[in-house]
């Protein structure tokens, strides 16, 4: 226990000295920055200019005469910004002698060129009526839906649009179901079925087989056979 008493005494004596040295070092690095912000062309004091210390989120603004005052540290970078003027930056020297620094900052106008605007005179009543009547009006959703649901449009879309994944999978499942249903037996022949003949005549009048034969002639060099009612009820697998 007696060994630790001298060590504790030395520590209690050195710690205040070290803290005082740190405080003196920090006190020496503090700088009172004050100055004046003016316009570069007319040397007029600017009001409301933001004076901000970068990366420290603190600052001040100039008064109605353009004067400001702020406490900074040596080595800080001060940024001056205002609407309509270019941003300027000033660095505080690290080897600055003393704890005060004055600055006069001139702000340059930031010119922004906007695109040209053409102002035309107000049209007359006759010109307005002519342009209003000749202006094309786009179809609404109901009109577009009615046009797409037309019988001729639906036939064209059904003939040209490719089937999606759901339609292709449903067709494959139907074909597989038909094969499984007639597995081990002869599929029925609808050559003598009057209902099949009625559907065949309707399809012939609509021209379904005419389009099918023309497409088959373009894709295959072999001549197409005459369609029968079996082609309607029993598609080829």
C-alpha atoms as a PDB file:
ATOM      1  CA  UNK A   1       0.000   0.000   0.000  1.00  0.00           C
ATOM      2  CA  UNK A   2       2.893   2.331   0.805  1.00  0.00           C
ATOM      3  CA  UNK A   3       4.276   1.798  -2.727  1.00  0.00           C
ATOM      4  CA  UNK A   4       1.129   3.220  -4.379  1.00  0.00           C
ATOM      5  CA  UNK A   5       1.007   6.414  -2.294  1.00  0.00           C
ATOM      6  CA  UNK A   6       3.968   8.096  -4.084  1.00  0.00           C
ATOM      7  CA  UNK A   7       2.595   7.003  -7.490  1.00  0.00           C
ATOM      8  CA  UNK A   8      -0.843   8.422  -6.662  1.00  0.00           C
ATOM      9  CA  UNK A   9       0.742  11.660  -5.460  1.00  0.00           C
ATOM     10  CA  UNK A  10       2.748  12.029  -8.688  1.00  0.00           C
ATOM     11  CA  UNK A  11      -0.343  11.273 -10.834  1.00  0.00           C
ATOM     12  CA  UNK A  12      -2.442  13.869  -9.011  1.00  0.00           C
ATOM     13  CA  UNK A  13       0.309  16.423  -9.542  1.00  0.00           C
ATOM     14  CA  UNK A  14       0.916  15.674 -13.253  1.00  0.00           C
ATOM     15  CA  UNK A  15      -2.756  15.413 -14.358  1.00  0.00           C
ATOM     16  CA  UNK A  16      -3.684  19.068 -13.690  1.00  0.00           C
ATOM     17  CA  UNK A  17      -0.502  20.187 -15.427  1.00  0.00           C
ATOM     18  CA  UNK A  18      -1.349  18.074 -18.491  1.00  0.00           C
ATOM     19  CA  UNK A  19      -4.947  19.318 -18.566  1.00  0.00           C
ATOM     20  CA  UNK A  20      -3.755  22.889 -18.299  1.00  0.00           C
ATOM     21  CA  UNK A  21      -1.352  22.335 -21.200  1.00  0.00           C
ATOM     22  CA  UNK A  22      -4.167  20.901 -23.365  1.00  0.00           C
ATOM     23  CA  UNK A  23      -6.400  23.836 -22.519  1.00  0.00           C
ATOM     24  CA  UNK A  24      -3.667  26.300 -23.387  1.00  0.00           C
ATOM     25  CA  UNK A  25      -3.104  24.518 -26.716  1.00  0.00           C
ATOM     26  CA  UNK A  26      -6.823  24.606 -27.545  1.00  0.00           C
ATOM     27  CA  UNK A  27      -7.071  28.212 -26.447  1.00  0.00           C
ATOM     28  CA  UNK A  28      -4.205  29.130 -28.739  1.00  0.00           C
ATOM     29  CA  UNK A  29      -5.955  27.494 -31.740  1.00  0.00           C
ATOM     30  CA  UNK A  30      -9.210  29.480 -31.328  1.00  0.00           C
ATOM     31  CA  UNK A  31      -9.515  32.456 -33.716  1.00  0.00           C
ATOM     32  CA  UNK A  32     -12.064  35.273 -33.698  1.00  0.00           C
ATOM     33  CA  UNK A  33     -12.856  35.825 -37.391  1.00  0.00           C
ATOM     34  CA  UNK A  34     -14.635  39.022 -38.364  1.00  0.00           C
ATOM     35  CA  UNK A  35     -14.910  40.948 -41.568  1.00  0.00           C
ATOM     36  CA  UNK A  36     -17.012  42.541 -44.285  1.00  0.00           C
ATOM     37  CA  UNK A  37     -18.721  41.024 -47.341  1.00  0.00           C
ATOM     38  CA  UNK A  38     -19.266  43.358 -50.317  1.00  0.00           C
ATOM     39  CA  UNK A  39     -20.133  43.205 -53.988  1.00  0.00           C
ATOM     40  CA  UNK A  40     -17.167  43.178 -56.350  1.00  0.00           C
ATOM     41  CA  UNK A  41     -18.587  45.741 -58.790  1.00  0.00           C
ATOM     42  CA  UNK A  42     -20.122  48.387 -56.497  1.00  0.00           C
ATOM     43  CA  UNK A  43     -18.420  47.620 -53.145  1.00  0.00           C
ATOM     44  CA  UNK A  44     -21.767  47.557 -51.386  1.00  0.00           C
ATOM     45  CA  UNK A  45     -22.238  45.569 -48.200  1.00  0.00           C
ATOM     46  CA  UNK A  46     -24.270  42.383 -48.734  1.00  0.00           C
ATOM     47  CA  UNK A  47     -26.915  41.416 -46.218  1.00  0.00           C
ATOM     48  CA  UNK A  48     -27.781  37.835 -45.360  1.00  0.00           C
ATOM     49  CA  UNK A  49     -24.649  36.163 -46.753  1.00  0.00           C
ATOM     50  CA  UNK A  50     -24.105  32.710 -45.216  1.00  0.00           C
ATOM     51  CA  UNK A  51     -20.717  32.309 -43.513  1.00  0.00           C
ATOM     52  CA  UNK A  52     -20.342  28.587 -42.769  1.00  0.00           C
ATOM     53  CA  UNK A  53     -17.446  26.515 -41.419  1.00  0.00           C
ATOM     54  CA  UNK A  54     -17.085  23.541 -43.738  1.00  0.00           C
ATOM     55  CA  UNK A  55     -17.691  20.027 -42.331  1.00  0.00           C
ATOM     56  CA  UNK A  56     -18.739  21.425 -38.932  1.00  0.00           C
ATOM     57  CA  UNK A  57     -22.378  22.430 -39.572  1.00  0.00           C
ATOM     58  CA  UNK A  58     -22.121  25.823 -37.880  1.00  0.00           C
ATOM     59  CA  UNK A  59     -21.909  29.385 -39.105  1.00  0.00           C
ATOM     60  CA  UNK A  60     -23.508  32.824 -39.156  1.00  0.00           C
ATOM     61  CA  UNK A  61     -24.931  35.444 -41.535  1.00  0.00           C
ATOM     62  CA  UNK A  62     -23.967  39.027 -42.288  1.00  0.00           C
ATOM     63  CA  UNK A  63     -26.014  41.943 -40.980  1.00  0.00           C
ATOM     64  CA  UNK A  64     -27.591  44.753 -43.014  1.00  0.00           C
ATOM     65  CA  UNK A  65     -24.136  46.333 -43.493  1.00  0.00           C
ATOM     66  CA  UNK A  66     -22.418  43.093 -44.564  1.00  0.00           C
ATOM     67  CA  UNK A  67     -20.468  42.694 -41.309  1.00  0.00           C
ATOM     68  CA  UNK A  68     -20.035  39.283 -39.650  1.00  0.00           C
ATOM     69  CA  UNK A  69     -18.160  37.724 -36.727  1.00  0.00           C
ATOM     70  CA  UNK A  70     -17.618  34.056 -35.925  1.00  0.00           C
ATOM     71  CA  UNK A  71     -15.337  31.900 -33.774  1.00  0.00           C
ATOM     72  CA  UNK A  72     -13.261  29.383 -35.774  1.00  0.00           C
ATOM     73  CA  UNK A  73     -10.164  27.248 -35.357  1.00  0.00           C
ATOM     74  CA  UNK A  74      -6.845  27.495 -37.106  1.00  0.00           C
ATOM     75  CA  UNK A  75      -6.902  25.451 -40.290  1.00  0.00           C
ATOM     76  CA  UNK A  76     -10.693  25.741 -40.805  1.00  0.00           C
ATOM     77  CA  UNK A  77     -12.140  26.581 -44.210  1.00  0.00           C
ATOM     78  CA  UNK A  78     -14.857  29.236 -44.308  1.00  0.00           C
ATOM     79  CA  UNK A  79     -17.423  29.316 -47.138  1.00  0.00           C
ATOM     80  CA  UNK A  80     -19.342  32.440 -48.210  1.00  0.00           C
ATOM     81  CA  UNK A  81     -22.526  31.834 -50.193  1.00  0.00           C
ATOM     82  CA  UNK A  82     -25.508  33.929 -51.258  1.00  0.00           C
ATOM     83  CA  UNK A  83     -28.230  33.661 -53.894  1.00  0.00           C
ATOM     84  CA  UNK A  84     -27.161  35.360 -57.117  1.00  0.00           C
ATOM     85  CA  UNK A  85     -23.445  35.275 -56.279  1.00  0.00           C
ATOM     86  CA  UNK A  86     -20.695  32.736 -56.779  1.00  0.00           C
ATOM     87  CA  UNK A  87     -19.579  30.784 -53.704  1.00  0.00           C
ATOM     88  CA  UNK A  88     -16.207  31.772 -52.223  1.00  0.00           C
ATOM     89  CA  UNK A  89     -13.963  29.983 -49.716  1.00  0.00           C
ATOM     90  CA  UNK A  90     -11.298  31.283 -47.319  1.00  0.00           C
ATOM     91  CA  UNK A  91      -8.846  29.158 -45.298  1.00  0.00           C
ATOM     92  CA  UNK A  92      -7.559  30.143 -41.871  1.00  0.00           C
ATOM     93  CA  UNK A  93      -3.752  29.613 -41.737  1.00  0.00           C
ATOM     94  CA  UNK A  94      -2.586  27.017 -39.238  1.00  0.00           C
ATOM     95  CA  UNK A  95       0.477  29.101 -38.361  1.00  0.00           C
ATOM     96  CA  UNK A  96      -1.538  32.251 -37.703  1.00  0.00           C
ATOM     97  CA  UNK A  97      -0.015  34.490 -35.043  1.00  0.00           C
ATOM     98  CA  UNK A  98      -2.552  35.659 -32.489  1.00  0.00           C
ATOM     99  CA  UNK A  99      -6.220  34.834 -32.052  1.00  0.00           C
ATOM    100  CA  UNK A 100      -7.841  37.361 -34.359  1.00  0.00           C
ATOM    101  CA  UNK A 101      -8.253  37.490 -38.126  1.00  0.00           C
ATOM    102  CA  UNK A 102     -10.062  40.008 -40.326  1.00  0.00           C
ATOM    103  CA  UNK A 103     -11.173  39.465 -43.916  1.00  0.00           C
ATOM    104  CA  UNK A 104     -12.879  41.524 -46.627  1.00  0.00           C
ATOM    105  CA  UNK A 105     -14.641  39.187 -49.050  1.00  0.00           C
ATOM    106  CA  UNK A 106     -15.836  40.372 -52.470  1.00  0.00           C
ATOM    107  CA  UNK A 107     -18.729  38.472 -54.052  1.00  0.00           C
ATOM    108  CA  UNK A 108     -19.043  38.180 -57.854  1.00  0.00           C
ATOM    109  CA  UNK A 109     -22.443  38.069 -59.528  1.00  0.00           C
ATOM    110  CA  UNK A 110     -23.415  34.643 -60.815  1.00  0.00           C
ATOM    111  CA  UNK A 111     -25.102  35.243 -64.184  1.00  0.00           C
ATOM    112  CA  UNK A 112     -27.564  32.592 -65.297  1.00  0.00           C
ATOM    113  CA  UNK A 113     -28.837  32.656 -68.875  1.00  0.00           C
ATOM    114  CA  UNK A 114     -32.419  31.456 -69.246  1.00  0.00           C
ATOM    115  CA  UNK A 115     -33.811  30.179 -72.570  1.00  0.00           C
ATOM    116  CA  UNK A 116     -35.508  32.744 -74.766  1.00  0.00           C
ATOM    117  CA  UNK A 117     -39.265  33.136 -74.400  1.00  0.00           C
ATOM    118  CA  UNK A 118     -41.370  34.081 -77.426  1.00  0.00           C
ATOM    119  CA  UNK A 119     -44.468  36.123 -76.581  1.00  0.00           C
ATOM    120  CA  UNK A 120     -47.159  36.175 -79.233  1.00  0.00           C
ATOM    121  CA  UNK A 121     -50.249  38.312 -79.511  1.00  0.00           C
ATOM    122  CA  UNK A 122     -53.627  36.928 -78.472  1.00  0.00           C
ATOM    123  CA  UNK A 123     -55.430  35.217 -81.393  1.00  0.00           C
ATOM    124  CA  UNK A 124     -58.711  36.532 -82.674  1.00  0.00           C
ATOM    125  CA  UNK A 125     -62.020  34.771 -82.103  1.00  0.00           C
ATOM    126  CA  UNK A 126     -62.088  33.400 -85.658  1.00  0.00           C
ATOM    127  CA  UNK A 127     -58.524  32.018 -85.336  1.00  0.00           C
ATOM    128  CA  UNK A 128     -59.325  30.428 -81.986  1.00  0.00           C
ATOM    129  CA  UNK A 129     -62.483  28.736 -83.343  1.00  0.00           C
ATOM    130  CA  UNK A 130     -60.586  27.486 -86.398  1.00  0.00           C
ATOM    131  CA  UNK A 131     -57.709  26.034 -84.370  1.00  0.00           C
ATOM    132  CA  UNK A 132     -60.043  24.583 -81.760  1.00  0.00           C
ATOM    133  CA  UNK A 133     -62.179  22.779 -84.347  1.00  0.00           C
ATOM    134  CA  UNK A 134     -59.176  21.516 -86.335  1.00  0.00           C
ATOM    135  CA  UNK A 135     -57.273  20.320 -83.276  1.00  0.00           C
ATOM    136  CA  UNK A 136     -57.321  16.486 -83.223  1.00  0.00           C
ATOM    137  CA  UNK A 137     -58.740  15.003 -80.047  1.00  0.00           C
ATOM    138  CA  UNK A 138     -57.338  11.678 -78.905  1.00  0.00           C
ATOM    139  CA  UNK A 139     -59.716   8.802 -78.313  1.00  0.00           C
ATOM    140  CA  UNK A 140     -60.642   8.031 -74.734  1.00  0.00           C
ATOM    141  CA  UNK A 141     -60.281   4.580 -73.186  1.00  0.00           C
ATOM    142  CA  UNK A 142     -63.866   3.573 -74.011  1.00  0.00           C
ATOM    143  CA  UNK A 143     -63.464   4.443 -77.697  1.00  0.00           C
ATOM    144  CA  UNK A 144     -60.151   2.585 -77.889  1.00  0.00           C
ATOM    145  CA  UNK A 145     -61.738  -0.463 -76.226  1.00  0.00           C
ATOM    146  CA  UNK A 146     -64.643  -0.413 -78.693  1.00  0.00           C
ATOM    147  CA  UNK A 147     -62.247  -0.263 -81.644  1.00  0.00           C
ATOM    148  CA  UNK A 148     -60.186  -3.160 -80.285  1.00  0.00           C
ATOM    149  CA  UNK A 149     -63.336  -5.247 -79.683  1.00  0.00           C
ATOM    150  CA  UNK A 150     -64.478  -4.953 -83.288  1.00  0.00           C
ATOM    151  CA  UNK A 151     -64.929  -8.353 -84.977  1.00  0.00           C
ATOM    152  CA  UNK A 152     -62.514  -7.616 -87.827  1.00  0.00           C
ATOM    153  CA  UNK A 153     -59.914  -6.208 -85.439  1.00  0.00           C
ATOM    154  CA  UNK A 154     -60.187  -9.247 -83.174  1.00  0.00           C
ATOM    155  CA  UNK A 155     -59.703 -11.622 -86.114  1.00  0.00           C
ATOM    156  CA  UNK A 156     -56.608  -9.709 -87.241  1.00  0.00           C
ATOM    157  CA  UNK A 157     -55.172  -9.686 -83.718  1.00  0.00           C
ATOM    158  CA  UNK A 158     -55.905 -13.382 -83.222  1.00  0.00           C
ATOM    159  CA  UNK A 159     -54.214 -14.256 -86.527  1.00  0.00           C
ATOM    160  CA  UNK A 160     -51.105 -12.117 -86.029  1.00  0.00           C
ATOM    161  CA  UNK A 161     -50.442 -12.031 -82.300  1.00  0.00           C
ATOM    162  CA  UNK A 162     -48.360 -14.949 -81.003  1.00  0.00           C
ATOM    163  CA  UNK A 163     -49.673 -16.994 -78.115  1.00  0.00           C
ATOM    164  CA  UNK A 164     -48.237 -16.339 -74.684  1.00  0.00           C
ATOM    165  CA  UNK A 165     -46.991 -18.932 -72.230  1.00  0.00           C
ATOM    166  CA  UNK A 166     -50.403 -19.467 -70.639  1.00  0.00           C
ATOM    167  CA  UNK A 167     -52.152 -20.076 -73.970  1.00  0.00           C
ATOM    168  CA  UNK A 168     -49.393 -22.407 -75.184  1.00  0.00           C
ATOM    169  CA  UNK A 169     -49.493 -24.442 -71.967  1.00  0.00           C
ATOM    170  CA  UNK A 170     -53.318 -24.661 -72.097  1.00  0.00           C
ATOM    171  CA  UNK A 171     -53.189 -25.869 -75.695  1.00  0.00           C
ATOM    172  CA  UNK A 172     -50.587 -28.490 -74.817  1.00  0.00           C
ATOM    173  CA  UNK A 173     -52.687 -29.702 -71.877  1.00  0.00           C
ATOM    174  CA  UNK A 174     -55.806 -29.944 -74.063  1.00  0.00           C
ATOM    175  CA  UNK A 175     -53.942 -31.981 -76.662  1.00  0.00           C
ATOM    176  CA  UNK A 176     -52.499 -34.238 -73.974  1.00  0.00           C
ATOM    177  CA  UNK A 177     -55.974 -34.658 -72.430  1.00  0.00           C
ATOM    178  CA  UNK A 178     -57.505 -35.561 -75.805  1.00  0.00           C
ATOM    179  CA  UNK A 179     -54.804 -38.186 -76.415  1.00  0.00           C
ATOM    180  CA  UNK A 180     -55.306 -39.647 -72.960  1.00  0.00           C
ATOM    181  CA  UNK A 181     -59.121 -39.677 -73.364  1.00  0.00           C
ATOM    182  CA  UNK A 182     -59.010 -41.681 -76.615  1.00  0.00           C
ATOM    183  CA  UNK A 183     -56.041 -43.837 -75.645  1.00  0.00           C
ATOM    184  CA  UNK A 184     -56.516 -47.451 -76.775  1.00  0.00           C
ATOM    185  CA  UNK A 185     -59.477 -46.690 -79.050  1.00  0.00           C
ATOM    186  CA  UNK A 186     -60.302 -45.044 -82.366  1.00  0.00           C
ATOM    187  CA  UNK A 187     -61.293 -41.360 -82.091  1.00  0.00           C
ATOM    188  CA  UNK A 188     -64.872 -40.691 -83.230  1.00  0.00           C
ATOM    189  CA  UNK A 189     -65.449 -39.590 -86.819  1.00  0.00           C
ATOM    190  CA  UNK A 190     -67.758 -36.602 -87.266  1.00  0.00           C
ATOM    191  CA  UNK A 191     -68.147 -37.003 -91.009  1.00  0.00           C
ATOM    192  CA  UNK A 192     -71.816 -37.914 -90.536  1.00  0.00           C
ATOM    193  CA  UNK A 193     -72.467 -35.437 -87.689  1.00  0.00           C
ATOM    194  CA  UNK A 194     -74.920 -32.693 -88.827  1.00  0.00           C
ATOM    195  CA  UNK A 195     -73.749 -30.311 -86.119  1.00  0.00           C
ATOM    196  CA  UNK A 196     -70.174 -30.658 -87.311  1.00  0.00           C
ATOM    197  CA  UNK A 197     -71.293 -29.921 -90.869  1.00  0.00           C
ATOM    198  CA  UNK A 198     -73.144 -26.817 -89.677  1.00  0.00           C
ATOM    199  CA  UNK A 199     -70.029 -25.519 -87.918  1.00  0.00           C
ATOM    200  CA  UNK A 200     -67.966 -26.378 -91.002  1.00  0.00           C
ATOM    201  CA  UNK A 201     -70.264 -24.347 -93.271  1.00  0.00           C
ATOM    202  CA  UNK A 202     -70.152 -21.362 -90.900  1.00  0.00           C
ATOM    203  CA  UNK A 203     -66.368 -21.498 -90.798  1.00  0.00           C
ATOM    204  CA  UNK A 204     -66.236 -21.772 -94.593  1.00  0.00           C
ATOM    205  CA  UNK A 205     -68.439 -18.669 -94.973  1.00  0.00           C
ATOM    206  CA  UNK A 206     -66.290 -16.732 -92.532  1.00  0.00           C
ATOM    207  CA  UNK A 207     -63.216 -17.541 -94.613  1.00  0.00           C
ATOM    208  CA  UNK A 208     -61.260 -19.229 -91.843  1.00  0.00           C
ATOM    209  CA  UNK A 209     -60.020 -22.024 -94.074  1.00  0.00           C
ATOM    210  CA  UNK A 210     -59.168 -19.644 -96.880  1.00  0.00           C
ATOM    211  CA  UNK A 211     -56.674 -17.820 -94.617  1.00  0.00           C
ATOM    212  CA  UNK A 212     -55.362 -21.119 -93.314  1.00  0.00           C
ATOM    213  CA  UNK A 213     -54.834 -22.531 -96.824  1.00  0.00           C
ATOM    214  CA  UNK A 214     -53.048 -19.349 -97.970  1.00  0.00           C
ATOM    215  CA  UNK A 215     -50.695 -19.434 -95.002  1.00  0.00           C
ATOM    216  CA  UNK A 216     -50.062 -23.125 -95.540  1.00  0.00           C
ATOM    217  CA  UNK A 217     -49.292 -22.501 -99.224  1.00  0.00           C
ATOM    218  CA  UNK A 218     -46.689 -19.879 -98.292  1.00  0.00           C
ATOM    219  CA  UNK A 219     -44.946 -22.032 -95.694  1.00  0.00           C
ATOM    220  CA  UNK A 220     -45.145 -25.502 -97.297  1.00  0.00           C
ATOM    221  CA  UNK A 221     -44.614 -26.453-100.932  1.00  0.00           C
ATOM    222  CA  UNK A 222     -47.085 -29.400-100.723  1.00  0.00           C
ATOM    223  CA  UNK A 223     -50.708 -28.663-101.735  1.00  0.00           C
ATOM    224  CA  UNK A 224     -53.237 -28.453 -98.901  1.00  0.00           C
ATOM    225  CA  UNK A 225     -56.063 -30.993 -98.678  1.00  0.00           C
ATOM    226  CA  UNK A 226     -59.735 -30.068 -98.603  1.00  0.00           C
ATOM    227  CA  UNK A 227     -60.887 -29.397 -95.001  1.00  0.00           C
ATOM    228  CA  UNK A 228     -63.523 -31.612 -93.460  1.00  0.00           C
ATOM    229  CA  UNK A 229     -65.676 -31.291 -90.319  1.00  0.00           C
ATOM    230  CA  UNK A 230     -63.187 -33.550 -88.526  1.00  0.00           C
ATOM    231  CA  UNK A 231     -60.681 -30.680 -88.687  1.00  0.00           C
ATOM    232  CA  UNK A 232     -62.995 -28.655 -86.417  1.00  0.00           C
ATOM    233  CA  UNK A 233     -63.756 -31.210 -83.727  1.00  0.00           C
ATOM    234  CA  UNK A 234     -60.587 -33.283 -83.864  1.00  0.00           C
ATOM    235  CA  UNK A 235     -57.547 -31.041 -84.438  1.00  0.00           C
ATOM    236  CA  UNK A 236     -54.396 -32.758 -85.545  1.00  0.00           C
ATOM    237  CA  UNK A 237     -51.907 -33.481 -82.692  1.00  0.00           C
END
